[in-house]
Amino acid sequence: MRAFDYTRPASIEEAVAAWTPGAAYLGGGTNLVDLMKTGAMGPAKLIDLTCLPGLDAIEVKGDGSTRIGALVRNSDLAHNRDFAARFPMVAEAILAGASAQLRNAATVGGNLVQHTRCPFFQDGISACNRRDPGIGCDAIGGDTGSMAVLGWSQSCIATHPSDFAVPLAALDAVIEIAGPNGSREVPMAEFHRLPGDTPEKETALEPGEIVTAIRLPAEAAAFAAHSRYLKLRERTSFAFALVSAAAALVIEDGRIAAARLALGAVAAKPWRVAGAEALMVGEPPSPELFARAATAAMEGAMPSGDNAHKIELARRTAARALARAAAGTPAEMPALPASVFGDPAHA
């Protein structure tokens, strides 16, 4: 690991003032420290945010929205009974990620800004345009089984690894940001960027900016009775998704009154298609309807290598997540959160 300076500011203003080019903000460290050890990242300065006041609370605001401070630990959010009752698929997504030990350390803000788990980015040696712009992408023509099938470019075919971000995208979350030019808000749909010709620009964050909170609108709680997160992975625990889906429905008088669907691990950002949601509205839930919606959600998908199978996996995962959502949110968190091997009857 390379030598670096370290500072622990006492306020958001001090943290922003401490930032200089080449610095990095440190939250739980579950992603950044790993990358520093492999040499994939070598910040000249670490700015430790863990003691900043006011960023570790979960609050229901006067307008009914729910605000989650960026320093809230993943496990604390998932196990907050009031939050899990209002947004069960968000809690299920968090519990499907990493391991209990990592969830106890990781922060929700850090979860959103974590870097791709593409092995060509992480090894610190392979050519990677995200790590070193303009050097090329060794993932292209390499092992592409986990790579993107939507929104990729010749500059980068990596995917975003977050489980948490997928239901946030489905529920129209808003990201609160502080930086050198003051505070601002960015819709979740615009927070993560597709690679295009500038894959090093992974998020909407400008230099020196910090995620301070995530806000879920009041209307997102209307989906609580019919919402699920489903994650297909190579093993049931401590593995990143091959594909995942967050599905949420409002069902009235036997018909779908509102629908949300977002896919994970298929692109460099959570993938949501409004047309796929719209075609379900007004229809009675059925396997045929969910298959059509899943197909619409994956419209335009193309293999980025030897990964055409991911397109069909994503369609089936999305359709199954919608079917589980239609069956109803379980009264208690499943023993295997988000697992395709979980009991669909919630026993």
Protein backbone atom coordinates (compact mmCIF):
# COMPACT_ATOMS: atom_id res chain seq x y z
CA MET A 1 0.00 0.00 0.00
CA ARG A 2 1.30 3.46 -0.86
CA ALA A 3 1.88 6.11 1.79
CA PHE A 4 -0.92 8.63 2.25
CA ASP A 5 -1.92 11.54 4.45
CA TYR A 6 -4.87 11.15 6.81
CA THR A 7 -7.29 13.67 8.29
CA ARG A 8 -10.49 13.38 10.31
CA PRO A 9 -12.67 16.50 9.87
CA ALA A 10 -15.32 17.46 12.41
CA SER A 11 -17.91 18.83 9.96
CA ILE A 12 -19.05 18.51 6.37
CA GLU A 13 -17.59 21.94 5.68
CA GLU A 14 -14.19 20.87 7.03
CA ALA A 15 -14.32 17.67 4.99
CA VAL A 16 -15.02 19.53 1.76
CA ALA A 17 -12.31 22.10 2.56
CA ALA A 18 -9.80 19.28 3.16
CA TRP A 19 -10.31 17.79 -0.29
CA THR A 20 -7.56 18.28 -2.87
CA PRO A 21 -6.99 16.52 -6.21
CA GLY A 22 -5.87 12.97 -5.51
CA ALA A 23 -7.71 12.74 -2.18
CA ALA A 24 -10.42 10.21 -1.35
CA TYR A 25 -13.24 10.21 1.19
CA LEU A 26 -13.32 7.27 3.60
CA GLY A 27 -16.53 5.83 5.06
CA GLY A 28 -16.69 2.17 6.06
CA GLY A 29 -13.69 1.41 3.85
CA THR A 30 -15.05 -1.95 2.67
CA ASN A 31 -14.34 -1.06 -0.98
CA LEU A 32 -11.70 1.66 -0.91
CA VAL A 33 -9.27 -0.09 1.44
CA ASP A 34 -9.40 -3.26 -0.67
CA LEU A 35 -8.53 -1.28 -3.79
CA MET A 36 -5.68 0.46 -2.00
CA LYS A 37 -4.25 -2.92 -1.01
CA THR A 38 -4.35 -4.24 -4.59
CA GLY A 39 -2.88 -1.04 -6.00
CA ALA A 40 -5.97 -0.28 -8.07
CA MET A 41 -6.27 2.99 -6.15
CA GLY A 42 -3.61 5.04 -4.42
CA PRO A 43 -5.08 8.23 -2.95
CA ALA A 44 -2.58 10.78 -1.68
CA LYS A 45 -4.90 11.69 1.20
CA LEU A 46 -7.72 9.95 3.07
CA ILE A 47 -10.45 12.17 4.51
CA ASP A 48 -12.22 10.14 7.20
CA LEU A 49 -15.93 10.98 7.29
CA THR A 50 -16.97 8.58 10.03
CA CYS A 51 -17.14 11.21 12.80
CA LEU A 52 -19.21 13.77 10.90
CA PRO A 53 -22.30 14.70 12.95
CA GLY A 54 -25.86 14.29 11.70
CA LEU A 55 -25.19 11.72 8.97
CA ASP A 56 -26.08 8.55 10.89
CA ALA A 57 -29.85 9.02 11.34
CA ILE A 58 -32.93 7.50 9.69
CA GLU A 59 -35.73 10.09 9.73
CA VAL A 60 -39.30 10.32 8.48
CA LYS A 61 -39.74 13.94 7.43
CA GLY A 62 -42.84 16.11 7.65
CA ASP A 63 -43.73 15.49 4.00
CA GLY A 64 -43.69 11.72 4.58
CA SER A 65 -40.37 11.14 2.86
CA THR A 66 -37.68 9.05 4.55
CA ARG A 67 -34.15 10.46 4.84
CA ILE A 68 -31.23 8.10 5.38
CA GLY A 69 -27.94 9.68 6.44
CA ALA A 70 -24.95 8.60 4.37
CA LEU A 71 -23.13 7.19 7.42
CA VAL A 72 -25.96 4.83 8.41
CA ARG A 73 -24.52 1.31 8.40
CA ASN A 74 -26.07 -1.13 5.97
CA SER A 75 -27.06 -3.59 8.69
CA ASP A 76 -28.61 -0.86 10.86
CA LEU A 77 -30.83 0.24 7.98
CA ALA A 78 -31.90 -3.28 7.01
CA HIS A 79 -32.73 -4.20 10.62
CA ASN A 80 -34.62 -0.99 11.40
CA ARG A 81 -38.15 -2.39 11.80
CA ASP A 82 -39.99 0.78 10.78
CA PHE A 83 -37.83 1.24 7.67
CA ALA A 84 -38.10 -2.42 6.65
CA ALA A 85 -41.89 -2.27 7.01
CA ARG A 86 -42.11 0.76 4.71
CA PHE A 87 -39.50 -0.35 2.18
CA PRO A 88 -39.14 -4.14 2.47
CA MET A 89 -37.41 -4.70 -0.86
CA VAL A 90 -34.70 -2.20 0.09
CA ALA A 91 -34.06 -4.11 3.32
CA GLU A 92 -34.08 -7.40 1.42
CA ALA A 93 -31.56 -6.06 -1.10
CA ILE A 94 -29.20 -4.91 1.66
CA LEU A 95 -29.36 -8.29 3.42
CA ALA A 96 -28.57 -10.02 0.12
CA GLY A 97 -25.28 -8.13 -0.17
CA ALA A 98 -21.81 -9.04 1.09
CA SER A 99 -21.62 -10.71 4.53
CA ALA A 100 -22.93 -9.78 7.97
CA GLN A 101 -19.49 -8.52 9.00
CA LEU A 102 -19.20 -6.26 5.96
CA ARG A 103 -22.76 -4.98 6.32
CA ASN A 104 -21.92 -3.99 9.89
CA ALA A 105 -19.05 -1.82 8.62
CA ALA A 106 -20.27 -0.55 5.24
CA THR A 107 -22.20 2.72 4.98
CA VAL A 108 -25.15 3.40 2.69
CA GLY A 109 -23.40 6.38 1.11
CA GLY A 110 -20.32 4.30 0.40
CA ASN A 111 -22.51 1.58 -1.08
CA LEU A 112 -23.73 3.96 -3.77
CA VAL A 113 -20.28 5.22 -4.74
CA GLN A 114 -18.44 1.89 -4.59
CA HIS A 115 -16.39 1.03 -7.64
CA THR A 116 -17.06 -1.81 -10.03
CA ARG A 117 -15.96 -5.29 -9.01
CA CYS A 118 -14.65 -5.95 -12.53
CA PRO A 119 -11.46 -7.99 -11.94
CA PHE A 120 -9.63 -6.06 -14.65
CA PHE A 121 -10.28 -2.83 -12.72
CA GLN A 122 -9.46 -4.32 -9.35
CA ASP A 123 -6.16 -6.03 -10.11
CA GLY A 124 -4.30 -2.75 -10.62
CA ILE A 125 -2.36 -4.24 -13.53
CA SER A 126 -4.73 -4.84 -16.45
CA ALA A 127 -5.58 -2.08 -18.88
CA CYS A 128 -8.68 -0.31 -17.58
CA ASN A 129 -10.15 2.95 -18.82
CA ARG A 130 -11.94 3.49 -15.51
CA ARG A 131 -8.68 3.38 -13.60
CA ASP A 132 -6.42 4.95 -16.24
CA PRO A 133 -8.45 6.78 -18.94
CA GLY A 134 -7.32 6.07 -22.47
CA ILE A 135 -5.27 2.97 -21.69
CA GLY A 136 -7.85 0.51 -23.05
CA CYS A 137 -10.09 -2.22 -21.63
CA ASP A 138 -8.66 -5.69 -21.10
CA ALA A 139 -12.10 -6.95 -20.10
CA ILE A 140 -13.12 -6.85 -23.76
CA GLY A 141 -12.19 -10.26 -25.09
CA GLY A 142 -11.46 -11.51 -21.58
CA ASP A 143 -13.67 -13.28 -19.07
CA THR A 144 -17.00 -11.54 -19.73
CA GLY A 145 -19.45 -13.78 -17.87
CA SER A 146 -20.28 -11.07 -15.33
CA MET A 147 -20.02 -8.08 -17.65
CA ALA A 148 -22.69 -5.70 -18.96
CA VAL A 149 -25.31 -6.48 -21.58
CA LEU A 150 -26.92 -3.02 -21.55
CA GLY A 151 -25.44 0.46 -21.85
CA TRP A 152 -21.85 -0.69 -22.36
CA SER A 153 -19.35 0.85 -24.75
CA GLN A 154 -16.04 -0.03 -26.36
CA SER A 155 -14.40 1.88 -23.49
CA CYS A 156 -15.90 -0.19 -20.66
CA ILE A 157 -18.15 -3.22 -20.22
CA ALA A 158 -18.18 -3.36 -16.40
CA THR A 159 -21.31 -3.40 -14.22
CA HIS A 160 -22.20 -1.58 -11.02
CA PRO A 161 -22.12 -4.03 -8.09
CA SER A 162 -24.61 -2.51 -5.63
CA ASP A 163 -27.71 -4.43 -4.54
CA PHE A 164 -28.95 -1.47 -2.48
CA ALA A 165 -28.96 0.88 -5.50
CA VAL A 166 -31.38 -1.26 -7.51
CA PRO A 167 -34.54 -0.83 -5.36
CA LEU A 168 -33.55 2.81 -4.76
CA ALA A 169 -33.72 3.34 -8.52
CA ALA A 170 -37.09 1.60 -8.70
CA LEU A 171 -38.50 3.82 -5.93
CA ASP A 172 -37.27 7.17 -7.31
CA ALA A 173 -34.80 7.92 -4.53
CA VAL A 174 -33.02 11.27 -4.44
CA ILE A 175 -29.36 11.68 -3.49
CA GLU A 176 -28.35 14.66 -1.35
CA ILE A 177 -24.86 15.99 -2.02
CA ALA A 178 -22.55 18.57 -0.43
CA GLY A 179 -19.49 20.04 -2.08
CA PRO A 180 -17.33 23.09 -2.76
CA ASN A 181 -20.24 24.85 -4.46
CA GLY A 182 -22.78 24.08 -1.74
CA SER A 183 -25.56 21.50 -1.51
CA ARG A 184 -27.60 19.95 -4.30
CA GLU A 185 -29.82 16.98 -5.07
CA VAL A 186 -29.62 14.42 -7.87
CA PRO A 187 -32.35 11.91 -8.79
CA MET A 188 -31.18 8.33 -8.42
CA ALA A 189 -31.83 7.77 -12.13
CA GLU A 190 -29.13 10.35 -12.94
CA PHE A 191 -26.63 9.53 -10.22
CA HIS A 192 -24.76 6.64 -11.87
CA ARG A 193 -23.44 7.15 -15.39
CA LEU A 194 -23.07 4.85 -18.37
CA PRO A 195 -19.47 4.61 -19.59
CA GLY A 196 -19.65 6.12 -23.06
CA ASP A 197 -16.22 7.58 -23.83
CA THR A 198 -15.58 8.64 -20.21
CA PRO A 199 -15.94 5.52 -18.02
CA GLU A 200 -13.79 7.12 -15.30
CA LYS A 201 -16.78 9.41 -14.53
CA GLU A 202 -18.81 6.79 -12.69
CA THR A 203 -21.29 9.05 -10.90
CA ALA A 204 -22.72 12.56 -11.03
CA LEU A 205 -20.41 13.62 -8.18
CA GLU A 206 -18.12 16.51 -9.04
CA PRO A 207 -14.59 16.76 -7.58
CA GLY A 208 -14.73 17.23 -3.82
CA GLU A 209 -18.41 16.37 -3.44
CA ILE A 210 -19.79 14.03 -0.77
CA VAL A 211 -23.03 12.04 -0.60
CA THR A 212 -24.71 13.22 2.62
CA ALA A 213 -28.08 11.43 2.49
CA ILE A 214 -30.54 9.37 0.48
CA ARG A 215 -34.20 10.32 0.44
CA LEU A 216 -37.12 8.08 -0.48
CA PRO A 217 -40.37 9.88 -1.42
CA ALA A 218 -43.50 9.31 0.66
CA GLU A 219 -45.29 7.62 -2.24
CA ALA A 220 -42.64 4.88 -2.36
CA ALA A 221 -44.16 3.34 0.78
CA ALA A 222 -47.34 2.57 -1.18
CA PHE A 223 -45.52 -0.46 -2.67
CA ALA A 224 -44.78 -2.07 0.71
CA ALA A 225 -47.41 -4.83 0.43
CA HIS A 226 -46.13 -6.14 -2.91
CA SER A 227 -42.38 -5.68 -3.32
CA ARG A 228 -39.43 -8.08 -3.57
CA TYR A 229 -35.76 -8.13 -4.50
CA LEU A 230 -34.35 -11.18 -6.27
CA LYS A 231 -30.66 -11.87 -6.84
CA LEU A 232 -29.08 -14.58 -8.96
CA ARG A 233 -25.48 -15.30 -7.94
CA GLU A 234 -22.95 -18.09 -8.00
CA ARG A 235 -23.45 -18.87 -4.31
CA THR A 236 -26.10 -17.90 -1.80
CA SER A 237 -23.90 -15.73 0.43
CA PHE A 238 -21.09 -13.21 0.01
CA ALA A 239 -21.31 -13.03 -3.79
CA PHE A 240 -22.11 -10.26 -6.22
CA ALA A 241 -25.10 -10.59 -8.51
CA LEU A 242 -24.94 -12.12 -11.95
CA VAL A 243 -28.30 -10.42 -12.42
CA SER A 244 -30.85 -9.03 -9.97
CA ALA A 245 -34.26 -7.39 -10.00
CA ALA A 246 -36.28 -5.12 -7.72
CA ALA A 247 -40.02 -5.43 -8.37
CA ALA A 248 -42.86 -3.54 -6.71
CA LEU A 249 -46.59 -3.39 -7.44
CA VAL A 250 -49.72 -1.70 -6.18
CA ILE A 251 -52.65 -4.08 -6.73
CA GLU A 252 -56.22 -2.82 -6.47
CA ASP A 253 -59.34 -4.88 -7.23
CA GLY A 254 -57.26 -7.61 -8.82
CA ARG A 255 -55.43 -5.30 -11.22
CA ILE A 256 -52.04 -3.57 -11.16
CA ALA A 257 -52.50 0.11 -10.36
CA ALA A 258 -48.78 0.95 -10.33
CA ALA A 259 -45.58 -0.94 -11.09
CA ARG A 260 -41.85 -0.50 -10.59
CA LEU A 261 -39.07 -2.67 -12.00
CA ALA A 262 -35.31 -2.14 -11.94
CA LEU A 263 -32.53 -4.56 -12.87
CA GLY A 264 -29.06 -4.85 -11.39
CA ALA A 265 -25.72 -6.24 -12.63
CA VAL A 266 -26.69 -5.77 -16.28
CA ALA A 267 -25.16 -2.30 -16.78
CA ALA A 268 -22.96 0.32 -15.15
CA LYS A 269 -26.05 1.61 -13.34
CA PRO A 270 -29.35 0.17 -12.13
CA TRP A 271 -31.48 -0.36 -15.23
CA ARG A 272 -35.07 0.85 -15.24
CA VAL A 273 -37.37 1.07 -18.29
CA ALA A 274 -40.55 3.09 -17.86
CA GLY A 275 -42.23 1.30 -20.77
CA ALA A 276 -41.88 -2.06 -19.05
CA GLU A 277 -43.67 -0.67 -16.00
CA ALA A 278 -46.37 1.06 -18.02
CA LEU A 279 -47.46 -2.06 -19.90
CA MET A 280 -48.41 -3.73 -16.59
CA VAL A 281 -50.67 -0.93 -15.33
CA GLY A 282 -54.36 -1.80 -15.55
CA GLU A 283 -53.69 -5.49 -16.15
CA PRO A 284 -54.33 -8.43 -13.81
CA PRO A 285 -51.10 -10.04 -12.56
CA SER A 286 -50.09 -13.09 -14.57
CA PRO A 287 -46.93 -14.97 -15.59
CA GLU A 288 -47.54 -13.97 -19.21
CA LEU A 289 -47.74 -10.28 -18.32
CA PHE A 290 -44.59 -10.45 -16.23
CA ALA A 291 -42.72 -12.22 -19.03
CA ARG A 292 -43.71 -9.41 -21.44
CA ALA A 293 -42.61 -6.76 -18.97
CA ALA A 294 -39.27 -8.49 -18.41
CA THR A 295 -38.68 -8.70 -22.15
CA ALA A 296 -39.47 -5.00 -22.51
CA ALA A 297 -37.07 -4.16 -19.69
CA MET A 298 -34.24 -5.93 -21.54
CA GLU A 299 -34.98 -4.39 -24.94
CA GLY A 300 -31.75 -3.44 -26.70
CA ALA A 301 -29.58 -5.82 -24.65
CA MET A 302 -26.46 -7.08 -26.44
CA PRO A 303 -23.67 -9.38 -25.27
CA SER A 304 -20.37 -7.63 -24.53
CA GLY A 305 -18.55 -10.91 -25.07
CA ASP A 306 -19.35 -14.48 -24.13
CA ASN A 307 -22.29 -13.48 -21.94
CA ALA A 308 -25.44 -13.73 -24.07
CA HIS A 309 -26.82 -16.01 -21.36
CA LYS A 310 -27.09 -13.00 -19.03
CA ILE A 311 -29.87 -11.55 -21.18
CA GLU A 312 -32.09 -14.58 -20.67
CA LEU A 313 -31.09 -14.83 -17.00
CA ALA A 314 -32.11 -11.21 -16.50
CA ARG A 315 -35.48 -11.72 -18.22
CA ARG A 316 -36.29 -14.74 -16.07
CA THR A 317 -35.08 -13.08 -12.88
CA ALA A 318 -37.20 -9.99 -13.56
CA ALA A 319 -40.30 -12.07 -14.32
CA ARG A 320 -39.82 -14.16 -11.17
CA ALA A 321 -39.28 -11.06 -9.02
CA LEU A 322 -42.55 -9.61 -10.35
CA ALA A 323 -44.36 -12.87 -9.59
CA ARG A 324 -43.01 -12.86 -6.02
CA ALA A 325 -44.05 -9.24 -5.61
CA ALA A 326 -47.55 -10.05 -6.84
CA ALA A 327 -47.78 -12.89 -4.30
CA GLY A 328 -47.15 -10.34 -1.55
CA THR A 329 -44.36 -9.19 0.70
CA PRO A 330 -43.68 -11.83 3.37
CA ALA A 331 -44.62 -10.89 6.93
CA GLU A 332 -41.05 -11.60 8.01
CA MET A 333 -37.76 -11.35 6.14
CA PRO A 334 -37.05 -14.65 4.35
CA ALA A 335 -34.33 -16.84 5.84
CA LEU A 336 -32.45 -16.46 2.55
CA PRO A 337 -33.08 -12.84 1.55
CA ALA A 338 -33.38 -12.31 -2.20
CA SER A 339 -32.25 -15.85 -3.00
CA VAL A 340 -33.69 -17.70 -5.97
CA PHE A 341 -33.58 -20.75 -3.68
CA GLY A 342 -35.81 -19.12 -1.07
CA ASP A 343 -39.19 -20.69 -0.40
CA PRO A 344 -41.73 -18.82 -2.59
CA ALA A 345 -44.41 -19.62 -0.02
CA HIS A 346 -42.32 -17.79 2.62
CA ALA A 347 -42.45 -20.79 4.96
